[in-house]
Amino acid sequence: PLSPAGAQTTQLLMEPPWTPAVLWDRVTLTCQGSESPNATTWYKDGQRWGKNTDHFHVTESGTYECDTPSTGFSPSVSILDEELVLPVQARALLEGDTVTLRCRS
């Protein structure tokens, strides 16, 4: 994606693409925007947390973001450790949209 100035921006992708994200969904975060995965730095709850990979499986709740030298910081995403949530696809829902509900027991 391009920013208004035409420069590429860092994107933080989440799989599965549900919001809110919860640990029991086995969330994987991927940082897109750098030419080299080894140049990615990860932050958790505002603190430098890891480096040297463009993706990883989340094992702790918190707020995550990534930073790449070429495109900067991504938007942050929060991963919850909750038992009861109603996750929906990470996009705006409109009246008439079909929604899939999932139940975890």
Protein backbone atom coordinates (compact mmCIF):
# COMPACT_ATOMS: atom_id res chain seq x y z
CA PRO A 1 0.00 0.00 0.00
CA LEU A 2 1.06 3.55 -0.62
CA SER A 3 0.95 6.43 1.79
CA PRO A 4 -0.45 9.78 0.64
CA ALA A 5 3.08 10.88 -0.22
CA GLY A 6 3.53 7.79 -2.43
CA ALA A 7 6.00 6.00 -0.15
CA GLN A 8 5.51 2.36 0.83
CA THR A 9 4.35 1.80 4.42
CA THR A 10 4.90 -1.04 6.87
CA GLN A 11 1.92 -3.35 7.27
CA LEU A 12 1.25 -5.76 10.14
CA LEU A 13 -0.83 -8.71 8.92
CA MET A 14 -2.68 -11.03 11.27
CA GLU A 15 -3.74 -14.61 10.57
CA PRO A 16 -6.47 -15.53 11.15
CA PRO A 17 -7.88 -12.10 10.21
CA TRP A 18 -10.32 -11.83 13.14
CA THR A 19 -10.75 -8.92 15.49
CA PRO A 20 -10.32 -8.91 18.37
CA ALA A 21 -7.41 -11.35 18.08
CA VAL A 22 -7.24 -13.93 20.85
CA LEU A 23 -4.47 -16.33 21.85
CA TRP A 24 -6.62 -19.44 21.45
CA ASP A 25 -6.89 -18.68 17.73
CA ARG A 26 -3.14 -19.41 17.32
CA VAL A 27 -2.41 -15.98 15.84
CA THR A 28 0.52 -15.43 13.48
CA LEU A 29 1.79 -11.88 12.87
CA THR A 30 3.63 -10.96 9.67
CA CYS A 31 5.47 -7.70 9.08
CA GLN A 32 5.45 -6.50 5.47
CA GLY A 33 7.46 -3.58 4.20
CA SER A 34 11.13 -4.51 4.39
CA GLU A 35 13.20 -6.05 1.64
CA SER A 36 14.93 -8.22 4.25
CA PRO A 37 13.16 -10.23 6.99
CA ASN A 38 16.37 -9.96 9.05
CA ALA A 39 15.89 -6.20 9.29
CA THR A 40 12.54 -6.42 11.14
CA THR A 41 12.39 -5.34 14.80
CA TRP A 42 9.36 -6.30 16.90
CA TYR A 43 7.88 -4.39 19.84
CA LYS A 44 5.51 -5.73 22.49
CA ASP A 45 3.67 -3.32 24.78
CA GLY A 46 5.96 -0.49 23.61
CA GLN A 47 9.21 -2.29 24.45
CA ARG A 48 11.71 -3.72 21.99
CA TRP A 49 10.89 -7.40 22.02
CA GLY A 50 12.51 -9.29 19.16
CA LYS A 51 14.24 -9.11 15.81
CA ASN A 52 15.36 -11.07 12.78
CA THR A 53 12.11 -12.53 11.51
CA ASP A 54 9.26 -11.12 9.47
CA HIS A 55 6.64 -13.39 11.10
CA PHE A 56 6.01 -15.37 14.28
CA HIS A 57 3.32 -17.23 16.23
CA VAL A 58 2.00 -15.18 19.18
CA THR A 59 2.21 -16.92 22.58
CA GLU A 60 1.59 -13.95 24.91
CA SER A 61 -1.18 -11.38 25.04
CA GLY A 62 -0.15 -7.77 24.43
CA THR A 63 0.08 -5.01 21.88
CA TYR A 64 2.50 -5.70 19.02
CA GLU A 65 4.05 -3.62 16.25
CA CYS A 66 6.99 -4.01 13.91
CA ASP A 67 9.59 -1.63 12.54
CA THR A 68 11.61 -1.87 9.36
CA PRO A 69 14.47 0.44 8.34
CA SER A 70 13.01 1.14 4.91
CA THR A 71 9.35 1.83 5.80
CA GLY A 72 9.21 2.50 9.57
CA PHE A 73 6.66 1.43 12.16
CA SER A 74 3.51 -0.53 11.47
CA PRO A 75 0.16 0.15 13.09
CA SER A 76 -0.17 -1.80 16.34
CA VAL A 77 -2.41 -4.82 16.97
CA SER A 78 -3.64 -6.14 20.31
CA ILE A 79 -3.79 -9.85 21.10
CA LEU A 80 -6.12 -10.76 23.99
CA ASP A 81 -6.10 -13.69 26.39
CA GLU A 82 -9.86 -13.86 26.91
CA GLU A 83 -12.19 -16.82 27.16
CA LEU A 84 -15.30 -15.13 25.77
CA VAL A 85 -15.13 -12.83 22.77
CA LEU A 86 -17.11 -12.38 19.57
CA PRO A 87 -14.46 -12.24 16.86
CA VAL A 88 -15.42 -10.85 13.46
CA GLN A 89 -13.40 -10.37 10.30
CA ALA A 90 -11.02 -7.45 10.57
CA ARG A 91 -13.01 -5.18 8.26
CA ALA A 92 -16.02 -2.94 8.58
CA LEU A 93 -19.34 -4.78 8.68
CA LEU A 94 -22.30 -3.41 6.80
CA GLU A 95 -25.99 -4.14 7.25
CA GLY A 96 -26.82 -7.26 5.27
CA ASP A 97 -23.33 -8.77 5.53
CA THR A 98 -23.11 -12.45 6.40
CA VAL A 99 -21.31 -13.03 9.72
CA THR A 100 -19.86 -16.37 10.82
CA LEU A 101 -20.05 -16.94 14.57
CA ARG A 102 -17.62 -19.36 16.20
CA CYS A 103 -17.99 -20.91 19.63
CA ARG A 104 -15.10 -22.20 21.69
CA SER A 105 -15.85 -24.61 24.50
